Protein backbone atom coordinates (compact mmCIF):
# COMPACT_ATOMS: atom_id res chain seq x y z
CA MET A 1 -26.30 -10.75 34.53
CA THR A 2 -24.50 -7.83 34.90
CA PRO A 3 -23.68 -6.07 31.89
CA LEU A 4 -19.92 -6.26 30.15
CA GLN A 5 -18.18 -2.74 30.98
CA PRO A 6 -16.33 -1.33 27.63
CA LEU A 7 -12.62 -2.65 27.56
CA THR A 8 -10.33 0.47 28.39
CA ARG A 9 -6.68 0.89 26.42
CA VAL A 10 -5.18 -0.35 29.25
CA GLU A 11 -6.95 -4.25 29.48
CA ILE A 12 -6.57 -4.11 25.37
CA GLU A 13 -2.72 -3.67 26.07
CA ARG A 14 -2.56 -6.25 29.03
CA LYS A 15 -4.53 -8.33 26.43
CA GLU A 16 -1.92 -8.01 23.73
CA GLN A 17 0.95 -8.75 26.05
CA GLU A 18 -0.66 -11.99 26.81
CA SER A 19 -1.70 -13.18 23.67
CA LEU A 20 1.20 -11.76 20.96
CA ALA A 21 4.08 -13.17 20.12
CA PRO A 22 7.10 -11.44 22.34
CA TYR A 23 8.29 -10.10 18.75
CA ALA A 24 4.96 -8.54 17.94
CA ALA A 25 4.99 -4.73 18.05
CA LEU A 26 3.27 -3.76 21.46
CA SER A 27 1.20 -0.53 21.54
CA SER A 28 1.80 -0.38 24.76
CA GLN A 29 5.32 -0.15 23.73
CA SER A 30 5.09 1.97 20.83
CA ARG A 31 8.16 4.63 20.36
CA GLY A 32 5.49 7.72 20.19
CA ARG A 33 4.84 10.44 18.15
CA VAL A 34 6.75 13.36 17.00
CA TYR A 35 4.29 15.67 19.04
CA PRO A 36 3.04 14.00 22.19
CA GLN A 37 -0.14 13.47 23.03
CA THR A 38 -2.65 12.37 26.03
CA GLU A 39 -3.29 8.63 25.26
CA HIS A 40 -6.81 8.03 25.05
CA PRO A 41 -9.05 6.09 27.60
CA LEU A 42 -10.33 3.20 25.23
CA ARG A 43 -8.32 3.04 22.18
CA THR A 44 -4.57 1.85 21.85
CA ALA A 45 -1.84 3.90 19.81
CA PHE A 46 -2.48 1.94 16.73
CA GLN A 47 -5.96 1.95 16.49
CA ARG A 48 -5.85 5.67 16.78
CA ASP A 49 -3.43 5.43 13.82
CA ARG A 50 -5.90 3.79 11.49
CA ASP A 51 -8.91 5.01 12.29
CA ARG A 52 -6.97 8.87 11.71
CA ILE A 53 -6.01 7.20 8.53
CA ILE A 54 -9.58 6.37 7.00
CA HIS A 55 -10.39 9.50 7.93
CA SER A 56 -8.18 11.32 6.11
CA THR A 57 -9.40 13.39 2.46
CA ALA A 58 -6.33 11.80 1.17
CA PHE A 59 -7.84 7.87 2.30
CA ARG A 60 -11.41 8.89 0.74
CA ARG A 61 -9.40 9.70 -2.35
CA LEU A 62 -8.14 6.40 -3.13
CA GLU A 63 -11.50 5.61 -4.62
CA TYR A 64 -10.90 7.43 -7.77
CA LYS A 65 -7.19 6.67 -7.76
CA THR A 66 -6.59 4.12 -10.83
CA GLN A 67 -5.20 0.57 -9.66
CA VAL A 68 -4.22 -0.69 -13.26
CA PHE A 69 -7.06 0.25 -15.19
CA ILE A 70 -8.65 3.94 -15.50
CA PRO A 71 -12.06 3.10 -12.81
CA HIS A 72 -14.99 5.03 -14.45
CA GLU A 73 -14.41 2.37 -17.31
CA ARG A 74 -16.04 -0.28 -15.84
CA ASP A 75 -17.71 -0.22 -12.09
CA HIS A 76 -15.81 -3.58 -10.83
CA TYR A 77 -12.51 -2.77 -11.59
CA ARG A 78 -10.08 -2.34 -8.78
CA THR A 79 -9.46 0.95 -7.71
CA ARG A 80 -6.35 2.39 -5.49
CA LEU A 81 -8.83 2.10 -2.26
CA THR A 82 -10.10 -1.37 -3.31
CA HIS A 83 -6.47 -2.42 -3.55
CA THR A 84 -5.73 -1.11 -0.18
CA ILE A 85 -8.80 -2.90 2.05
CA GLU A 86 -7.62 -5.89 0.20
CA VAL A 87 -3.80 -5.14 1.28
CA ALA A 88 -5.20 -4.73 4.73
CA GLN A 89 -7.52 -7.52 4.85
CA ILE A 90 -4.53 -10.25 3.47
CA SER A 91 -2.23 -8.46 6.36
CA ARG A 92 -4.56 -9.06 9.19
CA THR A 93 -5.34 -12.81 7.99
CA LEU A 94 -0.85 -13.29 8.04
CA ALA A 95 -0.72 -10.99 11.23
CA ARG A 96 -3.69 -13.17 13.07
CA ASN A 97 -1.83 -16.14 11.98
CA LEU A 98 1.57 -15.29 13.60
CA ARG A 99 -0.01 -13.92 16.04
CA LEU A 100 1.51 -10.43 15.78
CA ASN A 101 -0.37 -6.94 16.02
CA GLU A 102 -3.36 -6.82 13.93
CA ASP A 103 -4.00 -3.03 14.68
CA LEU A 104 -0.36 -1.88 13.89
CA THR A 105 -0.76 -4.43 10.88
CA GLU A 106 -3.79 -2.41 9.00
CA ALA A 107 -2.44 0.91 9.75
CA VAL A 108 0.53 0.27 7.80
CA ALA A 109 -1.67 -1.23 5.15
CA LEU A 110 -3.97 1.36 5.44
CA VAL A 111 -1.76 3.93 5.14
CA HIS A 112 0.98 2.68 2.30
CA ASP A 113 -0.57 4.07 -0.72
CA LEU A 114 -2.03 7.43 0.51
CA GLY A 115 1.05 9.05 -1.62
CA HIS A 116 -0.31 7.94 -5.03
CA THR A 117 -0.61 9.76 -7.79
CA PRO A 118 -3.36 10.21 -10.10
CA PHE A 119 -3.40 7.20 -12.72
CA GLY A 120 -1.34 4.87 -11.16
CA HIS A 121 2.13 4.04 -11.61
CA ALA A 122 2.16 6.17 -15.05
CA GLY A 123 1.09 9.13 -12.82
CA GLU A 124 4.19 8.39 -10.76
CA ASP A 125 6.51 8.57 -13.61
CA ALA A 126 5.35 11.69 -15.00
CA LEU A 127 5.72 13.51 -11.64
CA ASN A 128 9.09 11.49 -11.29
CA TYR A 129 10.50 13.07 -15.04
CA LEU A 130 9.13 16.31 -14.00
CA LEU A 131 11.38 16.48 -10.60
CA LYS A 132 14.18 15.04 -12.12
CA ASP A 133 16.34 17.94 -10.99
CA HIS A 134 14.70 18.11 -7.15
CA GLY A 135 15.15 14.89 -5.80
CA GLY A 136 12.41 13.21 -8.38
CA PHE A 137 8.97 11.67 -7.30
CA ASN A 138 8.69 8.75 -4.93
CA HIS A 139 5.18 7.63 -3.55
CA ASN A 140 6.35 5.94 -0.29
CA ARG A 141 8.10 9.75 0.34
CA GLN A 142 4.85 10.95 -0.78
CA SER A 143 2.65 9.24 1.79
CA LEU A 144 5.06 10.41 4.23
CA ARG A 145 4.53 14.15 3.53
CA VAL A 146 0.78 13.57 3.46
CA VAL A 147 0.51 12.04 7.17
CA ASP A 148 3.50 14.55 8.48
CA ILE A 149 2.51 17.42 6.36
CA LEU A 150 -0.13 17.73 3.74
CA GLU A 151 -3.35 16.39 5.85
CA GLN A 152 -4.59 19.54 8.13
CA ARG A 153 -6.88 18.32 10.45
CA TYR A 154 -5.45 19.19 14.04
CA PRO A 155 -4.93 22.88 15.34
CA GLY A 156 -1.82 21.38 17.40
CA HIS A 157 0.21 20.34 14.55
CA PRO A 158 0.71 19.51 11.10
CA GLY A 159 -0.16 16.16 9.43
CA LEU A 160 -1.75 13.22 11.10
CA ASN A 161 0.96 12.90 14.02
CA LEU A 162 1.03 9.06 13.72
CA SER A 163 3.23 6.78 15.47
CA PHE A 164 6.91 6.19 15.17
CA GLU A 165 5.97 2.71 13.69
CA VAL A 166 3.20 3.67 11.23
CA ARG A 167 5.75 5.87 9.95
CA GLU A 168 8.55 3.71 9.78
CA GLY A 169 6.46 1.19 7.58
CA ILE A 170 5.75 3.68 5.18
CA VAL A 171 9.42 4.85 4.75
CA LYS A 172 10.53 1.27 4.63
CA HIS A 173 7.66 -0.25 2.38
CA GLU A 174 9.56 -2.26 -0.02
CA THR A 175 9.69 -0.10 -4.01
CA ALA A 176 12.26 -0.26 -6.60
CA VAL A 177 13.70 2.84 -5.27
CA LYS A 178 15.06 3.22 -1.71
CA MET A 179 13.56 6.10 0.60
CA ASN A 180 15.97 7.94 3.51
CA SER A 181 14.66 9.48 6.00
CA VAL A 182 16.63 10.85 9.43
CA ASP A 183 13.78 9.66 11.71
CA PHE A 184 14.86 6.17 11.01
CA ASN A 185 17.93 3.75 11.74
CA HIS A 186 17.73 2.14 7.83
CA TYR A 187 20.12 -0.56 8.87
CA GLN A 188 17.50 -1.97 10.86
CA GLN A 189 14.37 -4.21 9.94
CA PRO A 190 10.92 -2.54 10.55
CA THR A 191 8.39 -5.30 12.75
CA LEU A 192 7.36 -7.87 11.30
CA GLU A 193 3.41 -6.07 10.64
CA ALA A 194 5.22 -3.92 8.18
CA SER A 195 7.22 -6.22 6.46
CA LEU A 196 3.72 -8.16 6.34
CA VAL A 197 2.34 -5.52 4.22
CA ASP A 198 5.15 -5.58 1.81
CA ILE A 199 4.28 -8.91 1.22
CA ALA A 200 0.15 -8.87 1.40
CA ASP A 201 0.72 -5.67 -1.10
CA GLU A 202 1.97 -7.75 -3.55
CA ILE A 203 -0.06 -10.44 -3.15
CA ALA A 204 -2.88 -8.50 -3.64
CA TYR A 205 -1.79 -6.83 -6.61
CA ASN A 206 -0.34 -9.96 -8.61
CA SER A 207 -3.66 -12.15 -7.93
CA HIS A 208 -5.77 -9.30 -8.63
CA ASP A 209 -4.42 -7.59 -11.96
CA ILE A 210 -4.71 -11.21 -13.25
CA ASP A 211 -8.66 -10.89 -11.82
CA ASP A 212 -8.84 -7.93 -14.04
CA GLY A 213 -6.97 -8.14 -16.58
CA LEU A 214 -9.08 -11.32 -17.14
CA SER A 215 -12.60 -9.26 -16.50
CA SER A 216 -11.16 -6.74 -19.01
CA GLY A 217 -10.18 -9.81 -21.45
CA LEU A 218 -6.95 -7.89 -22.20
CA LEU A 219 -5.85 -11.39 -20.28
CA THR A 220 -7.22 -14.84 -21.38
CA PHE A 221 -6.72 -18.17 -19.68
CA GLU A 222 -4.63 -19.09 -22.30
CA ASP A 223 -2.44 -16.59 -21.67
CA LEU A 224 -2.02 -17.84 -18.23
CA LYS A 225 -1.04 -21.32 -18.77
CA GLU A 226 2.29 -19.88 -19.99
CA GLY A 227 3.39 -19.26 -16.63
CA THR A 228 4.46 -22.01 -14.52
CA PHE A 229 1.80 -20.73 -11.49
CA TRP A 230 -0.53 -22.44 -13.70
CA GLU A 231 0.84 -26.00 -13.75
CA HIS A 232 1.94 -24.85 -9.71
CA PHE A 233 -1.24 -24.77 -8.82
CA GLN A 234 -2.96 -27.62 -10.95
CA PHE A 235 -5.38 -25.90 -12.52
CA ASP A 236 -5.15 -27.74 -15.50
CA THR A 237 -5.75 -30.66 -13.74
CA ASP A 238 -8.65 -29.93 -11.16
CA ARG A 239 -12.00 -30.78 -13.25
CA THR A 240 -14.37 -29.10 -11.12
CA PHE A 241 -12.19 -25.57 -11.89
CA LEU A 242 -12.20 -26.39 -15.68
CA GLU A 243 -15.83 -27.04 -15.20
CA LEU A 244 -16.80 -23.34 -13.47
CA SER A 245 -17.98 -21.07 -16.10
CA ASN A 246 -15.36 -18.36 -17.45
CA ALA A 247 -16.73 -15.66 -14.58
CA GLN A 248 -16.82 -18.35 -11.91
CA ARG A 249 -13.43 -20.19 -12.68
CA ARG A 250 -11.37 -16.40 -12.32
CA TYR A 251 -13.21 -15.75 -9.18
CA ALA A 252 -11.90 -19.58 -7.79
CA LEU A 253 -8.41 -19.05 -9.50
CA VAL A 254 -8.01 -15.80 -7.41
CA ARG A 255 -9.30 -17.37 -4.21
CA ARG A 256 -6.36 -20.29 -4.88
CA LEU A 257 -3.93 -17.64 -5.57
CA VAL A 258 -3.96 -15.68 -2.66
CA ASP A 259 -4.49 -18.38 -0.34
CA HIS A 260 -1.73 -20.75 -1.54
CA MET A 261 0.77 -17.30 -1.57
CA ALA A 262 -0.63 -16.28 1.82
CA THR A 263 -0.18 -20.09 3.50
CA ASP A 264 3.51 -20.13 2.28
CA VAL A 265 4.41 -16.66 3.52
CA ILE A 266 3.06 -17.69 6.93
CA LYS A 267 4.70 -21.15 7.11
CA GLU A 268 7.85 -19.68 5.70
CA THR A 269 8.01 -16.62 7.97
CA GLN A 270 7.61 -18.98 11.16
CA ALA A 271 10.13 -21.33 9.89
CA ARG A 272 12.53 -18.03 9.45
CA LEU A 273 11.66 -16.81 13.05
CA ASP A 274 12.65 -20.15 14.20
CA GLN A 275 15.68 -20.43 11.99
CA PHE A 276 17.17 -16.92 13.04
CA ASN A 277 16.28 -17.71 16.84
CA ILE A 278 13.66 -14.26 16.67
CA THR A 279 12.57 -13.88 20.80
CA ASP A 280 11.55 -10.49 20.82
CA LEU A 281 11.25 -7.09 18.57
CA SER A 282 15.13 -6.42 18.94
CA ALA A 283 15.92 -9.52 17.23
CA VAL A 284 13.62 -8.59 14.52
CA ARG A 285 15.17 -5.46 13.97
CA ASN A 286 18.86 -6.42 13.74
CA CYS A 287 18.08 -9.54 12.11
CA ALA A 288 20.91 -10.10 8.91
CA GLU A 289 18.00 -11.32 6.39
CA LYS A 290 14.32 -10.34 6.46
CA VAL A 291 11.82 -12.65 8.42
CA CYS A 292 9.11 -12.32 6.01
CA HIS A 293 9.25 -14.13 3.12
CA TYR A 294 7.91 -16.58 0.47
CA SER A 295 9.63 -20.26 0.17
CA GLU A 296 12.18 -20.50 -2.62
CA PRO A 297 9.44 -22.11 -4.71
CA MET A 298 6.96 -19.73 -4.32
CA ARG A 299 9.15 -16.53 -4.84
CA GLN A 300 10.17 -18.12 -7.79
CA ILE A 301 6.33 -18.53 -8.94
CA VAL A 302 5.77 -14.89 -8.20
CA GLN A 303 8.79 -13.82 -9.81
CA ASP A 304 7.30 -15.44 -13.19
CA MET A 305 3.79 -14.49 -12.43
CA LYS A 306 5.04 -11.00 -12.79
CA ARG A 307 6.90 -11.34 -15.38
CA LEU A 308 3.64 -13.18 -17.59
CA LEU A 309 1.86 -9.68 -15.83
CA ARG A 310 4.44 -7.58 -17.35
CA ALA A 311 4.43 -9.34 -20.63
CA LYS A 312 0.66 -9.62 -20.84
CA LEU A 313 -1.02 -6.86 -19.83
CA TYR A 314 0.92 -3.56 -18.33
CA ARG A 315 2.46 -3.68 -21.58
CA HIS A 316 -0.55 -4.33 -23.60
CA SER A 317 -1.20 -1.40 -26.26
CA ARG A 318 -4.61 -0.58 -25.02
CA LEU A 319 -2.93 0.30 -21.35
CA VAL A 320 0.13 2.10 -22.77
CA ALA A 321 -1.97 4.12 -24.38
CA LEU A 322 -3.80 5.04 -21.76
CA SER A 323 -0.72 5.48 -19.66
CA ASP A 324 0.82 8.01 -22.68
CA ARG A 325 -2.50 9.74 -22.33
CA ALA A 326 -1.79 10.40 -18.04
CA ARG A 327 1.45 11.36 -18.51
CA LEU A 328 0.66 14.21 -21.00
CA ILE A 329 -2.87 15.35 -18.43
CA ILE A 330 0.39 15.36 -15.32
CA GLN A 331 2.60 17.28 -17.99
CA SER A 332 0.08 20.00 -19.31
CA ILE A 333 -0.81 20.54 -15.29
CA PHE A 334 2.22 20.88 -14.57
CA GLU A 335 3.66 22.95 -17.10
CA ARG A 336 0.77 25.42 -16.55
CA ILE A 337 1.28 25.87 -12.86
CA ARG A 338 4.69 26.76 -13.13
CA GLY A 339 3.88 29.15 -15.04
CA ASP A 340 1.08 30.56 -13.07
CA PRO A 341 1.22 29.40 -9.43
CA LYS A 342 -2.14 31.18 -8.45
CA LEU A 343 -3.42 28.49 -10.07
CA MET A 344 -2.71 26.47 -7.00
CA PRO A 345 -5.63 26.59 -4.18
CA ALA A 346 -4.18 29.51 -1.45
CA ARG A 347 -2.93 26.69 0.99
CA PHE A 348 -0.52 25.44 -1.42
CA GLN A 349 0.53 29.12 -2.62
CA LEU A 350 1.57 29.59 1.49
CA MET A 351 4.05 26.64 0.92
CA LEU A 352 5.87 28.08 -1.68
CA LYS A 353 7.49 30.58 1.40
CA GLU A 354 9.38 27.44 2.93
CA GLU A 355 9.19 24.77 -0.07
CA ASN A 356 10.05 24.79 -3.81
CA LEU A 357 7.38 25.86 -6.44
CA GLU A 358 8.11 22.19 -8.59
CA ILE A 359 7.78 20.33 -5.04
CA VAL A 360 4.33 22.12 -4.25
CA ILE A 361 3.04 21.55 -7.31
CA ALA A 362 4.04 17.55 -7.31
CA ASP A 363 2.21 17.65 -3.73
CA TYR A 364 -0.95 19.57 -5.09
CA ILE A 365 -1.00 17.10 -8.51
CA ALA A 366 -0.71 14.21 -6.49
CA GLY A 367 -3.26 14.73 -4.50
CA MET A 368 -5.47 14.71 -7.43
CA THR A 369 -7.76 11.99 -8.47
CA ASP A 370 -8.14 10.78 -11.93
CA ARG A 371 -11.58 12.46 -12.60
CA TYR A 372 -10.11 15.71 -11.38
CA ALA A 373 -7.02 15.80 -13.18
CA GLU A 374 -8.47 15.18 -16.20
CA LYS A 375 -11.14 17.97 -15.28
CA MET A 376 -8.40 20.58 -14.54
CA CYS A 377 -6.53 19.63 -17.53
CA HIS A 378 -9.36 20.00 -19.87
CA GLU A 379 -10.37 23.82 -18.05
CA LEU A 380 -6.69 25.16 -18.38
CA SER A 381 -6.13 23.60 -22.27
């Protein structure tokens, strides 16, 4: 038998054109990079983006950054890295079933939280306050700074030099604070692949925060019964579910939440593709509404799930105390460095020739892991 030859980039691109939906983002039609590069013979543009992200320093640091609970409190709590991997897994499942570009979807999923600070949203809130006179702090904007400026891995250009589509996925990631960038048309929708990552992110953190909350004891199954989602997913009428041990019941609950929400998104998105007559990527970008979406009943259930998590978990006195401590750590480091910028590594001191001091301090702190921030705070005190 003649041995099979490796697939070339051109062959992979041809397979995309043959198998993906007409409104998918094709790697062969990427809008390219800020700094033009010769294409790789075996990997597509989006595959190279994914690989660059995974090999970045910022990606490795996610292992020691808080999702909800401080990682070193218990080994099995989710970190920012495990959350990112879960978002990528859900995103790829959604993309595969909708015949979209899995490589682009995965790259956007893997990059979406690179700009997160230590200590989760408490750290982001602290830096946002400290930068209130300098444009504030937003982790999406910081993710773009990471991949465009702060990662220094190549001699020919700053940053990772990612493709337009992946960078657009960062800029247009759904957050409370909208981000603007002159490189992107904010009157247009992003690719469907980027939109799927927004929803996968929400599916992941809602279901997995419930999981970690139950594991920690800060949430109970009785708490969850106050949410409308409990009845919708028929947990109380499922004899098999009720007979499981607490640990197995927790796993079964998370599986059911993820499966039902993801299935709903696939069905609703397909219905909207038909409703809005989406026939190509241009129609996606110019659609007046988001195409990737929950059905209306599921949207209401997800909103109720968020309300329950805010009331029962995120505002729990134990987590509030951890958040207060995190803010004090970051504020302490920030003020000490502002008084003596030479406390930063040389590369950040060089940035002061072109950047505002407070922005550079935020770059430095945002890149820290939880444990490094705690260590530095202790050493500076």
